Amino acid sequence: MKKSPPPPTGRRRIPTALTLAQRTTTARRKLSPERKAITGYQAWCHGHDLDPHTDAPTAIARYLDAHHHEAPFQLERIRKALEAFYWAAGSRVMEHPAVRDLWLSAAAVEGREPIIRPARLSAALARCETRRQTPTGHARDRTIVLLHANGLHPAEIALLDRRDFEPYAEGAFLTIRAPRPLVTASRCYWFARHRNPQRCVVATFEAWLATYRGKALFPKLMPNDHAVDFRLSATAINVILYQIAADIAPKGDA
């Protein structure tokens, strides 16, 4: 009868521990942006003599004012991290109406310089006709550029759906529905019909709805311009706008 193998020693357990650590590397990477945002917020509060719990509304307002220049996806990452931080502490300060208004004002396009300047709008629309190979790509990029040039933030463009567009003879209403867990009132924009159809948001939006019938309003495009029915994120819309702005920038500003 064979004897059972001896129990593993401490040295033999080391590779097993390393293997388990390697398996959890992916999970740690997924949590690292949120952890970094929370750690950065706590360090910022400590450096400005603010307690993140007792001075929560003031700390959030001053921290957001100090980071208002961040990209929309960075602001959204900070918001989600702070929600998780205060939720774990048993506080619902992020649901306070004044705090919600702060995040809405930070996400608004008012007071910020647009990615594509109004003086370069004609060049940007012309670039939309050449940077893609199919009419679907031309129409998608053209609609995104005109929406942003008329006041919509990339984060708001990413939230749009077909039901949010209500056309009329004089123009159209465009409703931005805030996603959960940021429960707040929807924002509504009115766009009048422009005399120049090339710069008319309403006509361009109607043409895009007639061109693409997929579920996602603004789909992702493969390198061959094949449309994949997945919604573009705010980060992807930012990339599109910055690429167009870089293409039409004068050589001295590139």
Protein backbone atom coordinates (compact mmCIF):
# COMPACT_ATOMS: atom_id res chain seq x y z
CA MET A 1 0.00 0.00 0.00
CA LYS A 2 1.40 3.35 -1.06
CA LYS A 3 1.90 6.03 1.52
CA SER A 4 0.19 9.38 1.13
CA PRO A 5 2.45 12.24 0.00
CA PRO A 6 3.84 14.47 2.71
CA PRO A 7 2.06 17.75 3.38
CA PRO A 8 3.41 20.68 1.41
CA THR A 9 6.00 22.78 3.14
CA GLY A 10 6.21 26.55 3.23
CA ARG A 11 8.51 26.64 0.24
CA ARG A 12 6.14 24.60 -1.87
CA ARG A 13 3.24 26.92 -1.09
CA ILE A 14 4.98 29.98 -2.52
CA PRO A 15 4.26 29.18 -6.21
CA THR A 16 0.59 28.58 -5.34
CA ALA A 17 0.35 31.96 -3.65
CA LEU A 18 1.99 33.62 -6.64
CA THR A 19 -0.44 31.92 -8.99
CA LEU A 20 -3.41 33.14 -6.98
CA ALA A 21 -2.00 36.65 -6.97
CA GLN A 22 -1.62 36.54 -10.75
CA ARG A 23 -5.23 35.42 -11.13
CA THR A 24 -6.49 38.44 -9.20
CA THR A 25 -4.41 40.93 -11.21
CA THR A 26 -7.27 41.61 -13.63
CA ALA A 27 -9.73 42.33 -10.84
CA ARG A 28 -7.28 44.69 -9.18
CA ARG A 29 -6.76 46.58 -12.42
CA LYS A 30 -10.50 47.05 -12.83
CA LEU A 31 -10.76 48.64 -9.40
CA SER A 32 -7.60 50.71 -9.63
CA PRO A 33 -9.15 53.81 -11.35
CA GLU A 34 -11.84 54.09 -8.66
CA ARG A 35 -9.31 53.55 -5.89
CA LYS A 36 -7.00 56.16 -7.37
CA ALA A 37 -9.84 58.67 -7.65
CA ILE A 38 -10.90 58.12 -4.02
CA THR A 39 -7.30 58.31 -2.77
CA GLY A 40 -6.73 61.50 -4.76
CA TYR A 41 -9.91 63.04 -3.34
CA GLN A 42 -8.91 62.22 0.24
CA ALA A 43 -5.41 63.58 -0.29
CA TRP A 44 -6.81 66.77 -1.82
CA CYS A 45 -9.16 67.27 1.14
CA HIS A 46 -6.30 66.72 3.58
CA GLY A 47 -4.15 69.25 1.75
CA HIS A 48 -6.90 71.88 1.88
CA ASP A 49 -7.85 71.34 5.56
CA LEU A 50 -11.20 69.79 4.70
CA ASP A 51 -12.76 66.69 6.18
CA PRO A 52 -14.37 64.61 3.41
CA HIS A 53 -17.17 63.55 5.78
CA THR A 54 -18.03 66.53 7.99
CA ASP A 55 -17.36 69.07 5.22
CA ALA A 56 -18.72 66.92 2.41
CA PRO A 57 -20.72 69.50 0.36
CA THR A 58 -17.99 72.14 0.59
CA ALA A 59 -15.26 69.61 -0.18
CA ILE A 60 -17.11 68.26 -3.21
CA ALA A 61 -17.84 71.76 -4.56
CA ARG A 62 -14.23 72.94 -4.18
CA TYR A 63 -12.80 69.69 -5.53
CA LEU A 64 -15.05 69.84 -8.59
CA ASP A 65 -14.16 73.49 -9.17
CA ALA A 66 -10.47 72.56 -9.06
CA HIS A 67 -11.00 69.77 -11.62
CA HIS A 68 -13.55 71.42 -13.93
CA HIS A 69 -11.03 71.32 -16.79
CA GLU A 70 -10.94 67.52 -16.83
CA ALA A 71 -12.33 65.55 -19.74
CA PRO A 72 -15.96 64.39 -19.44
CA PHE A 73 -15.04 60.75 -18.92
CA GLN A 74 -12.66 61.81 -16.12
CA LEU A 75 -15.42 63.80 -14.43
CA GLU A 76 -17.75 60.83 -14.75
CA ARG A 77 -15.09 58.58 -13.23
CA ILE A 78 -14.65 60.99 -10.31
CA ARG A 79 -18.40 61.16 -9.77
CA LYS A 80 -18.79 57.39 -9.65
CA ALA A 81 -15.81 57.07 -7.30
CA LEU A 82 -17.23 59.66 -4.90
CA GLU A 83 -20.63 57.97 -5.01
CA ALA A 84 -19.03 54.67 -4.03
CA PHE A 85 -16.93 56.39 -1.33
CA TYR A 86 -19.86 58.13 0.37
CA TRP A 87 -22.19 55.19 -0.12
CA ALA A 88 -19.74 52.91 1.70
CA ALA A 89 -19.55 55.47 4.52
CA GLY A 90 -23.35 55.49 4.86
CA SER A 91 -23.75 59.02 3.47
CA ARG A 92 -26.04 60.08 0.65
CA VAL A 93 -24.60 63.53 0.13
CA MET A 94 -24.19 62.82 -3.60
CA GLU A 95 -27.99 62.64 -3.90
CA HIS A 96 -28.46 66.12 -2.47
CA PRO A 97 -30.05 68.47 -5.07
CA ALA A 98 -27.30 71.07 -4.69
CA VAL A 99 -24.59 68.47 -5.27
CA ARG A 100 -26.42 67.06 -8.30
CA ASP A 101 -26.65 70.57 -9.76
CA LEU A 102 -22.89 70.91 -9.35
CA TRP A 103 -22.27 67.83 -11.49
CA LEU A 104 -24.79 68.97 -14.10
CA SER A 105 -23.08 72.36 -14.37
CA ALA A 106 -19.70 70.65 -14.65
CA ALA A 107 -20.98 68.41 -17.45
CA ALA A 108 -22.60 71.31 -19.30
CA VAL A 109 -20.91 72.78 -22.32
CA GLU A 110 -21.57 76.39 -21.26
CA GLY A 111 -18.42 78.17 -20.19
CA ARG A 112 -16.13 75.74 -22.01
CA GLU A 113 -14.36 76.21 -25.27
CA PRO A 114 -15.75 73.75 -27.84
CA ILE A 115 -13.39 71.19 -29.30
CA ILE A 116 -14.14 72.45 -32.81
CA ARG A 117 -14.24 76.24 -32.94
CA PRO A 118 -17.11 77.93 -34.82
CA ALA A 119 -14.68 79.51 -37.28
CA ARG A 120 -13.50 76.03 -38.30
CA LEU A 121 -16.96 74.46 -38.59
CA SER A 122 -17.02 74.54 -42.40
CA ALA A 123 -13.63 72.84 -42.57
CA ALA A 124 -14.77 70.26 -40.01
CA LEU A 125 -17.90 69.41 -42.02
CA ALA A 126 -15.80 69.09 -45.16
CA ARG A 127 -13.42 66.78 -43.32
CA CYS A 128 -16.37 64.57 -42.31
CA GLU A 129 -16.97 63.86 -46.00
CA THR A 130 -13.44 62.58 -46.58
CA ARG A 131 -12.32 60.81 -43.40
CA ARG A 132 -14.75 57.91 -43.92
CA GLN A 133 -15.35 55.61 -46.89
CA THR A 134 -19.12 55.15 -46.75
CA PRO A 135 -22.13 57.52 -46.55
CA THR A 136 -22.95 56.03 -43.15
CA GLY A 137 -19.64 57.21 -41.73
CA HIS A 138 -20.01 60.63 -43.35
CA ALA A 139 -23.50 61.15 -41.91
CA ARG A 140 -22.60 59.91 -38.43
CA ASP A 141 -19.55 62.17 -38.03
CA ARG A 142 -21.38 65.13 -39.56
CA THR A 143 -24.26 64.79 -37.09
CA ILE A 144 -21.89 64.53 -34.11
CA VAL A 145 -19.94 67.62 -35.21
CA LEU A 146 -23.07 69.73 -35.69
CA LEU A 147 -24.56 68.67 -32.35
CA HIS A 148 -21.36 69.60 -30.55
CA ALA A 149 -21.02 72.87 -32.45
CA ASN A 150 -24.56 73.83 -31.37
CA GLY A 151 -23.96 73.38 -27.67
CA LEU A 152 -24.16 69.68 -26.81
CA HIS A 153 -21.41 68.15 -24.71
CA PRO A 154 -19.92 64.81 -25.89
CA ALA A 155 -21.30 63.20 -22.73
CA GLU A 156 -24.79 64.43 -23.69
CA ILE A 157 -24.42 63.22 -27.27
CA ALA A 158 -23.56 59.76 -25.96
CA LEU A 159 -26.86 59.66 -24.02
CA LEU A 160 -29.08 60.46 -27.01
CA ASP A 161 -31.62 57.99 -28.30
CA ARG A 162 -34.14 58.01 -31.15
CA ARG A 163 -37.03 58.80 -28.83
CA ASP A 164 -35.24 61.97 -27.68
CA PHE A 165 -35.73 63.70 -31.06
CA GLU A 166 -39.10 65.45 -31.64
CA PRO A 167 -39.18 67.27 -35.01
CA TYR A 168 -41.61 70.06 -35.88
CA ALA A 169 -42.07 72.40 -38.82
CA GLU A 170 -40.05 75.22 -37.20
CA GLY A 171 -37.41 73.04 -35.55
CA ALA A 172 -37.00 70.15 -33.13
CA PHE A 173 -36.74 69.38 -29.43
CA LEU A 174 -33.84 67.25 -28.22
CA THR A 175 -34.15 65.79 -24.72
CA ILE A 176 -31.13 64.65 -22.71
CA ARG A 177 -32.24 61.99 -20.24
CA ALA A 178 -29.86 61.74 -17.27
CA PRO A 179 -28.85 58.12 -16.53
CA ARG A 180 -29.19 56.45 -13.17
CA PRO A 181 -27.94 56.62 -10.44
CA LEU A 182 -27.73 60.37 -11.12
CA VAL A 183 -31.50 60.89 -10.83
CA THR A 184 -32.31 64.42 -11.93
CA ALA A 185 -34.52 66.32 -14.32
CA SER A 186 -34.00 65.87 -18.03
CA ARG A 187 -32.49 68.68 -20.10
CA CYS A 188 -34.29 69.84 -23.22
CA TYR A 189 -32.81 71.78 -26.15
CA TRP A 190 -34.65 73.55 -28.97
CA PHE A 191 -33.01 73.74 -32.39
CA ALA A 192 -34.54 75.98 -35.05
CA ARG A 193 -34.22 75.01 -38.68
CA HIS A 194 -31.28 76.73 -40.35
CA ARG A 195 -31.62 78.33 -43.77
CA ASN A 196 -28.46 76.55 -44.85
CA PRO A 197 -29.26 72.81 -44.90
CA GLN A 198 -25.56 72.01 -44.61
CA ARG A 199 -25.51 73.59 -41.14
CA CYS A 200 -29.02 72.68 -40.03
CA VAL A 201 -28.96 70.36 -37.00
CA VAL A 202 -32.58 69.30 -37.53
CA ALA A 203 -32.16 68.38 -41.21
CA THR A 204 -28.87 66.60 -40.52
CA PHE A 205 -30.38 64.63 -37.64
CA GLU A 206 -33.40 63.63 -39.75
CA ALA A 207 -31.10 62.52 -42.56
CA TRP A 208 -29.05 60.45 -40.12
CA LEU A 209 -32.15 58.74 -38.71
CA ALA A 210 -33.21 57.88 -42.25
CA THR A 211 -29.74 56.59 -43.13
CA TYR A 212 -29.11 54.32 -40.12
CA ARG A 213 -31.85 52.10 -38.70
CA GLY A 214 -29.87 50.30 -36.01
CA LYS A 215 -30.67 50.18 -32.32
CA ALA A 216 -27.77 52.39 -31.26
CA LEU A 217 -28.17 56.00 -32.37
CA PHE A 218 -24.46 56.53 -33.04
CA PRO A 219 -22.86 53.12 -33.71
CA LYS A 220 -19.23 52.15 -33.71
CA LEU A 221 -17.58 51.80 -37.11
CA MET A 222 -15.01 49.17 -37.98
CA PRO A 223 -11.88 50.09 -40.01
CA ASN A 224 -13.81 49.18 -43.19
CA ASP A 225 -16.66 51.50 -42.04
CA HIS A 226 -18.93 48.55 -41.28
CA ALA A 227 -21.39 49.69 -38.61
CA VAL A 228 -21.48 47.64 -35.41
CA ASP A 229 -24.68 48.18 -33.42
CA PHE A 230 -22.94 49.29 -30.20
CA ARG A 231 -23.46 52.74 -28.74
CA LEU A 232 -20.53 55.15 -28.85
CA SER A 233 -19.29 56.24 -25.44
CA ALA A 234 -18.52 59.84 -24.48
CA THR A 235 -14.82 59.01 -24.68
CA ALA A 236 -15.19 57.70 -28.25
CA ILE A 237 -17.11 60.83 -29.28
CA ASN A 238 -14.36 62.95 -27.74
CA VAL A 239 -11.78 61.05 -29.79
CA ILE A 240 -13.74 61.64 -33.01
CA LEU A 241 -14.04 65.37 -32.36
CA TYR A 242 -10.38 65.77 -31.40
CA GLN A 243 -9.26 63.82 -34.48
CA ILE A 244 -11.31 66.06 -36.76
CA ALA A 245 -10.05 69.17 -34.96
CA ALA A 246 -6.45 67.97 -35.39
CA ASP A 247 -7.01 67.26 -39.10
CA ILE A 248 -8.31 70.75 -39.85
CA ALA A 249 -5.93 72.65 -37.55
CA PRO A 250 -3.41 74.95 -39.25
CA LYS A 251 0.06 73.52 -39.48
CA GLY A 252 1.39 75.99 -36.92
CA ASP A 253 -1.25 74.90 -34.36
CA ALA A 254 -0.96 71.14 -34.95
